[in-house]
Amino acid sequence: MMPIVRYERGAKAPRNARYALVGHYGESAGLTIRCEAGEALPSHEGEANVAPPLWYVEVVPVQAEALAA
């Protein structure tokens, strides 16, 4: 199992990627952005649909594999 790294709002993005703002349990706050490495993640104080604390997590595309029986 891979750990999920949380980034504080205003922190510098570690790599070029898409980041989603999420609540404490990983629930979506309704904001996904693209940041370049070294760019500050937005501090987004707007209307999020979940209660704080809020963090950013990197969004990684999921690849599914079908297994033949």
PDB file of N, CA and C in Angstrom:
ATOM      1  N   MET A   1       0.838  -1.167   0.000  1.00  0.00           N
ATOM      2  CA  MET A   1       0.000   0.000   0.000  1.00  0.00           C
ATOM      3  C   MET A   1       0.890   1.240   0.000  1.00  0.00           C
ATOM      4  N   MET A   2       0.508   2.220  -0.780  1.00  0.00           N
ATOM      5  CA  MET A   2       1.303   3.429  -0.930  1.00  0.00           C
ATOM      6  C   MET A   2       0.748   4.537  -0.024  1.00  0.00           C
ATOM      7  N   PRO A   3       1.608   5.242   0.729  1.00  0.00           N
ATOM      8  CA  PRO A   3       1.105   6.313   1.587  1.00  0.00           C
ATOM      9  C   PRO A   3       0.608   7.498   0.752  1.00  0.00           C
ATOM     10  N   ILE A   4      -0.353   8.211   1.289  1.00  0.00           N
ATOM     11  CA  ILE A   4      -0.863   9.417   0.634  1.00  0.00           C
ATOM     12  C   ILE A   4      -0.213  10.611   1.317  1.00  0.00           C
ATOM     13  N   VAL A   5       0.534  11.388   0.551  1.00  0.00           N
ATOM     14  CA  VAL A   5       1.237  12.545   1.085  1.00  0.00           C
ATOM     15  C   VAL A   5       0.322  13.761   0.979  1.00  0.00           C
ATOM     16  N   ARG A   6       0.146  14.457   2.098  1.00  0.00           N
ATOM     17  CA  ARG A   6      -0.684  15.667   2.132  1.00  0.00           C
ATOM     18  C   ARG A   6       0.222  16.891   2.107  1.00  0.00           C
ATOM     19  N   TYR A   7      -0.178  17.884   1.320  1.00  0.00           N
ATOM     20  CA  TYR A   7       0.583  19.128   1.212  1.00  0.00           C
ATOM     21  C   TYR A   7      -0.261  20.271   1.739  1.00  0.00           C
ATOM     22  N   GLU A   8       0.324  21.111   2.571  1.00  0.00           N
ATOM     23  CA  GLU A   8      -0.397  22.254   3.113  1.00  0.00           C
ATOM     24  C   GLU A   8      -0.641  23.287   2.029  1.00  0.00           C
ATOM     25  N   ARG A   9      -1.730  24.019   2.194  1.00  0.00           N
ATOM     26  CA  ARG A   9      -2.034  25.108   1.267  1.00  0.00           C
ATOM     27  C   ARG A   9      -0.917  26.139   1.363  1.00  0.00           C
ATOM     28  N   GLY A  10      -0.446  26.613   0.218  1.00  0.00           N
ATOM     29  CA  GLY A  10       0.655  27.570   0.177  1.00  0.00           C
ATOM     30  C   GLY A  10       2.024  26.915   0.049  1.00  0.00           C
ATOM     31  N   ALA A  11       2.105  25.586   0.260  1.00  0.00           N
ATOM     32  CA  ALA A  11       3.381  24.868   0.119  1.00  0.00           C
ATOM     33  C   ALA A  11       3.761  24.806  -1.364  1.00  0.00           C
ATOM     34  N   LYS A  12       5.037  24.591  -1.629  1.00  0.00           N
ATOM     35  CA  LYS A  12       5.500  24.475  -3.016  1.00  0.00           C
ATOM     36  C   LYS A  12       5.234  23.064  -3.531  1.00  0.00           C
ATOM     37  N   ALA A  13       4.697  22.990  -4.744  1.00  0.00           N
ATOM     38  CA  ALA A  13       4.424  21.689  -5.372  1.00  0.00           C
ATOM     39  C   ALA A  13       5.754  20.991  -5.632  1.00  0.00           C
ATOM     40  N   PRO A  14       5.895  19.712  -5.255  1.00  0.00           N
ATOM     41  CA  PRO A  14       7.165  19.014  -5.447  1.00  0.00           C
ATOM     42  C   PRO A  14       7.431  18.609  -6.896  1.00  0.00           C
ATOM     43  N   ARG A  15       6.387  18.534  -7.716  1.00  0.00           N
ATOM     44  CA  ARG A  15       6.562  18.129  -9.121  1.00  0.00           C
ATOM     45  C   ARG A  15       5.398  18.641  -9.952  1.00  0.00           C
ATOM     46  N   ASN A  16       5.566  18.618 -11.263  1.00  0.00           N
ATOM     47  CA  ASN A  16       4.484  18.999 -12.175  1.00  0.00           C
ATOM     48  C   ASN A  16       3.387  17.948 -12.045  1.00  0.00           C
ATOM     49  N   ALA A  17       2.217  18.364 -11.615  1.00  0.00           N
ATOM     50  CA  ALA A  17       1.134  17.398 -11.410  1.00  0.00           C
ATOM     51  C   ALA A  17      -0.178  18.123 -11.175  1.00  0.00           C
ATOM     52  N   ARG A  18      -1.252  17.325 -11.118  1.00  0.00           N
ATOM     53  CA  ARG A  18      -2.562  17.835 -10.704  1.00  0.00           C
ATOM     54  C   ARG A  18      -2.707  17.559  -9.212  1.00  0.00           C
ATOM     55  N   TYR A  19      -3.284  18.520  -8.491  1.00  0.00           N
ATOM     56  CA  TYR A  19      -3.475  18.404  -7.057  1.00  0.00           C
ATOM     57  C   TYR A  19      -4.935  18.680  -6.728  1.00  0.00           C
ATOM     58  N   ALA A  20      -5.483  17.882  -5.809  1.00  0.00           N
ATOM     59  CA  ALA A  20      -6.867  18.060  -5.388  1.00  0.00           C
ATOM     60  C   ALA A  20      -6.890  18.505  -3.937  1.00  0.00           C
ATOM     61  N   LEU A  21      -7.769  19.440  -3.629  1.00  0.00           N
ATOM     62  CA  LEU A  21      -7.968  19.890  -2.258  1.00  0.00           C
ATOM     63  C   LEU A  21      -8.946  18.918  -1.602  1.00  0.00           C
ATOM     64  N   VAL A  22      -8.544  18.348  -0.464  1.00  0.00           N
ATOM     65  CA  VAL A  22      -9.370  17.343   0.204  1.00  0.00           C
ATOM     66  C   VAL A  22      -9.478  17.645   1.694  1.00  0.00           C
ATOM     67  N   GLY A  23     -10.504  17.060   2.312  1.00  0.00           N
ATOM     68  CA  GLY A  23     -10.692  17.168   3.754  1.00  0.00           C
ATOM     69  C   GLY A  23      -9.893  16.115   4.502  1.00  0.00           C
ATOM     70  N   HIS A  24     -10.070  16.079   5.805  1.00  0.00           N
ATOM     71  CA  HIS A  24      -9.313  15.193   6.694  1.00  0.00           C
ATOM     72  C   HIS A  24      -9.406  13.719   6.298  1.00  0.00           C
ATOM     73  N   TYR A  25     -10.558  13.268   5.863  1.00  0.00           N
ATOM     74  CA  TYR A  25     -10.743  11.857   5.506  1.00  0.00           C
ATOM     75  C   TYR A  25     -10.619  11.603   4.008  1.00  0.00           C
ATOM     76  N   GLY A  26     -10.123  12.582   3.250  1.00  0.00           N
ATOM     77  CA  GLY A  26      -9.939  12.419   1.818  1.00  0.00           C
ATOM     78  C   GLY A  26     -11.136  12.818   0.987  1.00  0.00           C
ATOM     79  N   GLU A  27     -12.160  13.382   1.631  1.00  0.00           N
ATOM     80  CA  GLU A  27     -13.342  13.817   0.891  1.00  0.00           C
ATOM     81  C   GLU A  27     -13.002  15.046   0.045  1.00  0.00           C
ATOM     82  N   SER A  28     -13.523  15.091  -1.158  1.00  0.00           N
ATOM     83  CA  SER A  28     -13.217  16.167  -2.095  1.00  0.00           C
ATOM     84  C   SER A  28     -13.782  17.501  -1.616  1.00  0.00           C
ATOM     85  N   ALA A  29     -12.971  18.540  -1.747  1.00  0.00           N
ATOM     86  CA  ALA A  29     -13.417  19.900  -1.442  1.00  0.00           C
ATOM     87  C   ALA A  29     -13.861  20.605  -2.719  1.00  0.00           C
ATOM     88  N   GLY A  30     -13.839  19.889  -3.843  1.00  0.00           N
ATOM     89  CA  GLY A  30     -14.330  20.443  -5.097  1.00  0.00           C
ATOM     90  C   GLY A  30     -13.341  21.296  -5.874  1.00  0.00           C
ATOM     91  N   LEU A  31     -12.051  21.183  -5.572  1.00  0.00           N
ATOM     92  CA  LEU A  31     -11.051  21.967  -6.291  1.00  0.00           C
ATOM     93  C   LEU A  31      -9.898  21.067  -6.715  1.00  0.00           C
ATOM     94  N   THR A  32      -9.628  21.031  -8.017  1.00  0.00           N
ATOM     95  CA  THR A  32      -8.463  20.329  -8.557  1.00  0.00           C
ATOM     96  C   THR A  32      -7.726  21.320  -9.445  1.00  0.00           C
ATOM     97  N   ILE A  33      -6.419  21.432  -9.247  1.00  0.00           N
ATOM     98  CA  ILE A  33      -5.619  22.395 -10.001  1.00  0.00           C
ATOM     99  C   ILE A  33      -4.377  21.709 -10.562  1.00  0.00           C
ATOM    100  N   ARG A  34      -3.745  22.358 -11.525  1.00  0.00           N
ATOM    101  CA  ARG A  34      -2.472  21.874 -12.077  1.00  0.00           C
ATOM    102  C   ARG A  34      -1.395  22.843 -11.621  1.00  0.00           C
ATOM    103  N   CYS A  35      -0.323  22.332 -11.043  1.00  0.00           N
ATOM    104  CA  CYS A  35       0.799  23.161 -10.597  1.00  0.00           C
ATOM    105  C   CYS A  35       2.093  22.619 -11.174  1.00  0.00           C
ATOM    106  N   GLU A  36       3.002  23.518 -11.445  1.00  0.00           N
ATOM    107  CA  GLU A  36       4.350  23.157 -11.876  1.00  0.00           C
ATOM    108  C   GLU A  36       5.228  23.020 -10.630  1.00  0.00           C
ATOM    109  N   ALA A  37       6.299  22.243 -10.742  1.00  0.00           N
ATOM    110  CA  ALA A  37       7.227  22.055  -9.627  1.00  0.00           C
ATOM    111  C   ALA A  37       7.725  23.407  -9.125  1.00  0.00           C
ATOM    112  N   GLY A  38       7.669  23.603  -7.818  1.00  0.00           N
ATOM    113  CA  GLY A  38       8.139  24.842  -7.202  1.00  0.00           C
ATOM    114  C   GLY A  38       7.082  25.926  -7.097  1.00  0.00           C
ATOM    115  N   GLU A  39       5.973  25.757  -7.772  1.00  0.00           N
ATOM    116  CA  GLU A  39       4.884  26.732  -7.718  1.00  0.00           C
ATOM    117  C   GLU A  39       4.097  26.515  -6.420  1.00  0.00           C
ATOM    118  N   ALA A  40       3.640  27.600  -5.798  1.00  0.00           N
ATOM    119  CA  ALA A  40       2.879  27.492  -4.551  1.00  0.00           C
ATOM    120  C   ALA A  40       1.470  26.967  -4.809  1.00  0.00           C
ATOM    121  N   LEU A  41       1.047  26.006  -3.987  1.00  0.00           N
ATOM    122  CA  LEU A  41      -0.328  25.518  -4.057  1.00  0.00           C
ATOM    123  C   LEU A  41      -1.241  26.624  -3.521  1.00  0.00           C
ATOM    124  N   PRO A  42      -2.378  26.869  -4.159  1.00  0.00           N
ATOM    125  CA  PRO A  42      -3.253  27.970  -3.726  1.00  0.00           C
ATOM    126  C   PRO A  42      -3.688  27.809  -2.270  1.00  0.00           C
ATOM    127  N   SER A  43      -3.883  28.938  -1.599  1.00  0.00           N
ATOM    128  CA  SER A  43      -4.328  28.885  -0.208  1.00  0.00           C
ATOM    129  C   SER A  43      -5.841  28.759  -0.116  1.00  0.00           C
ATOM    130  N   HIS A  44      -6.547  28.797  -1.208  1.00  0.00           N
ATOM    131  CA  HIS A  44      -7.997  28.627  -1.339  1.00  0.00           C
ATOM    132  C   HIS A  44      -8.767  28.785  -0.032  1.00  0.00           C
ATOM    133  N   GLU A  45      -9.196  29.981   0.217  1.00  0.00           N
ATOM    134  CA  GLU A  45     -10.016  30.255   1.394  1.00  0.00           C
ATOM    135  C   GLU A  45     -11.478  30.379   1.007  1.00  0.00           C
ATOM    136  N   GLY A  46     -11.799  30.087  -0.257  1.00  0.00           N
ATOM    137  CA  GLY A  46     -13.161  30.212  -0.759  1.00  0.00           C
ATOM    138  C   GLY A  46     -14.092  29.183  -0.162  1.00  0.00           C
ATOM    139  N   GLU A  47     -15.204  28.992  -0.801  1.00  0.00           N
ATOM    140  CA  GLU A  47     -16.224  28.091  -0.293  1.00  0.00           C
ATOM    141  C   GLU A  47     -15.910  26.645  -0.647  1.00  0.00           C
ATOM    142  N   ALA A  48     -15.364  25.922   0.302  1.00  0.00           N
ATOM    143  CA  ALA A  48     -15.138  24.490   0.132  1.00  0.00           C
ATOM    144  C   ALA A  48     -16.346  23.777   0.714  1.00  0.00           C
ATOM    145  N   ASN A  49     -16.688  22.638   0.132  1.00  0.00           N
ATOM    146  CA  ASN A  49     -17.873  21.933   0.614  1.00  0.00           C
ATOM    147  C   ASN A  49     -17.576  20.928   1.723  1.00  0.00           C
ATOM    148  N   VAL A  50     -16.402  21.012   2.341  1.00  0.00           N
ATOM    149  CA  VAL A  50     -16.053  20.171   3.487  1.00  0.00           C
ATOM    150  C   VAL A  50     -15.427  21.057   4.562  1.00  0.00           C
ATOM    151  N   ALA A  51     -15.507  20.606   5.802  1.00  0.00           N
ATOM    152  CA  ALA A  51     -14.956  21.378   6.917  1.00  0.00           C
ATOM    153  C   ALA A  51     -13.435  21.198   6.996  1.00  0.00           C
ATOM    154  N   PRO A  52     -12.729  22.227   7.465  1.00  0.00           N
ATOM    155  CA  PRO A  52     -11.282  22.114   7.657  1.00  0.00           C
ATOM    156  C   PRO A  52     -10.970  21.020   8.664  1.00  0.00           C
ATOM    157  N   PRO A  53      -9.773  20.477   8.704  1.00  0.00           N
ATOM    158  CA  PRO A  53      -8.599  20.916   7.966  1.00  0.00           C
ATOM    159  C   PRO A  53      -8.633  20.452   6.509  1.00  0.00           C
ATOM    160  N   LEU A  54      -8.000  21.236   5.638  1.00  0.00           N
ATOM    161  CA  LEU A  54      -7.940  20.929   4.213  1.00  0.00           C
ATOM    162  C   LEU A  54      -6.480  20.813   3.781  1.00  0.00           C
ATOM    163  N   TRP A  55      -6.205  19.861   2.901  1.00  0.00           N
ATOM    164  CA  TRP A  55      -4.873  19.652   2.351  1.00  0.00           C
ATOM    165  C   TRP A  55      -4.990  19.374   0.868  1.00  0.00           C
ATOM    166  N   TYR A  56      -3.842  19.468   0.192  1.00  0.00           N
ATOM    167  CA  TYR A  56      -3.767  19.048  -1.209  1.00  0.00           C
ATOM    168  C   TYR A  56      -3.125  17.663  -1.268  1.00  0.00           C
ATOM    169  N   VAL A  57      -3.596  16.860  -2.200  1.00  0.00           N
ATOM    170  CA  VAL A  57      -2.974  15.576  -2.499  1.00  0.00           C
ATOM    171  C   VAL A  57      -2.763  15.509  -3.999  1.00  0.00           C
ATOM    172  N   GLU A  58      -1.719  14.801  -4.402  1.00  0.00           N
ATOM    173  CA  GLU A  58      -1.437  14.653  -5.832  1.00  0.00           C
ATOM    174  C   GLU A  58      -2.448  13.690  -6.454  1.00  0.00           C
ATOM    175  N   VAL A  59      -2.979  14.065  -7.614  1.00  0.00           N
ATOM    176  CA  VAL A  59      -3.936  13.228  -8.325  1.00  0.00           C
ATOM    177  C   VAL A  59      -3.158  12.392  -9.324  1.00  0.00           C
ATOM    178  N   VAL A  60      -3.270  11.083  -9.200  1.00  0.00           N
ATOM    179  CA  VAL A  60      -2.535  10.153 -10.053  1.00  0.00           C
ATOM    180  C   VAL A  60      -3.550   9.369 -10.889  1.00  0.00           C
ATOM    181  N   PRO A  61      -3.351   9.304 -12.218  1.00  0.00           N
ATOM    182  CA  PRO A  61      -4.269   8.517 -13.039  1.00  0.00           C
ATOM    183  C   PRO A  61      -4.250   7.046 -12.623  1.00  0.00           C
ATOM    184  N   VAL A  62      -5.395   6.429 -12.612  1.00  0.00           N
ATOM    185  CA  VAL A  62      -5.506   5.029 -12.219  1.00  0.00           C
ATOM    186  C   VAL A  62      -5.589   4.162 -13.464  1.00  0.00           C
ATOM    187  N   GLN A  63      -4.830   3.097 -13.461  1.00  0.00           N
ATOM    188  CA  GLN A  63      -4.881   2.144 -14.570  1.00  0.00           C
ATOM    189  C   GLN A  63      -5.483   0.851 -14.025  1.00  0.00           C
ATOM    190  N   ALA A  64      -6.502   0.387 -14.703  1.00  0.00           N
ATOM    191  CA  ALA A  64      -7.155  -0.853 -14.285  1.00  0.00           C
ATOM    192  C   ALA A  64      -6.756  -1.982 -15.227  1.00  0.00           C
ATOM    193  N   GLU A  65      -6.581  -3.139 -14.674  1.00  0.00           N
ATOM    194  CA  GLU A  65      -6.260  -4.318 -15.473  1.00  0.00           C
ATOM    195  C   GLU A  65      -7.355  -5.357 -15.282  1.00  0.00           C
ATOM    196  N   ALA A  66      -7.758  -5.983 -16.344  1.00  0.00           N
ATOM    197  CA  ALA A  66      -8.740  -7.044 -16.271  1.00  0.00           C
ATOM    198  C   ALA A  66      -8.001  -8.389 -16.273  1.00  0.00           C
ATOM    199  N   LEU A  67      -8.381  -9.260 -15.369  1.00  0.00           N
ATOM    200  CA  LEU A  67      -7.765 -10.579 -15.311  1.00  0.00           C
ATOM    201  C   LEU A  67      -8.725 -11.584 -15.943  1.00  0.00           C
ATOM    202  N   ALA A  68      -8.212 -12.377 -16.849  1.00  0.00           N
ATOM    203  CA  ALA A  68      -9.034 -13.417 -17.492  1.00  0.00           C
ATOM    204  C   ALA A  68      -9.061 -14.649 -16.595  1.00  0.00           C
ATOM    205  N   ALA A  69     -10.215 -15.239 -16.495  1.00  0.00           N
ATOM    206  CA  ALA A  69     -10.354 -16.437 -15.655  1.00  0.00           C
ATOM    207  C   ALA A  69      -9.952 -17.677 -16.416  1.00  0.00           C
TER     208      ALA A  69
END
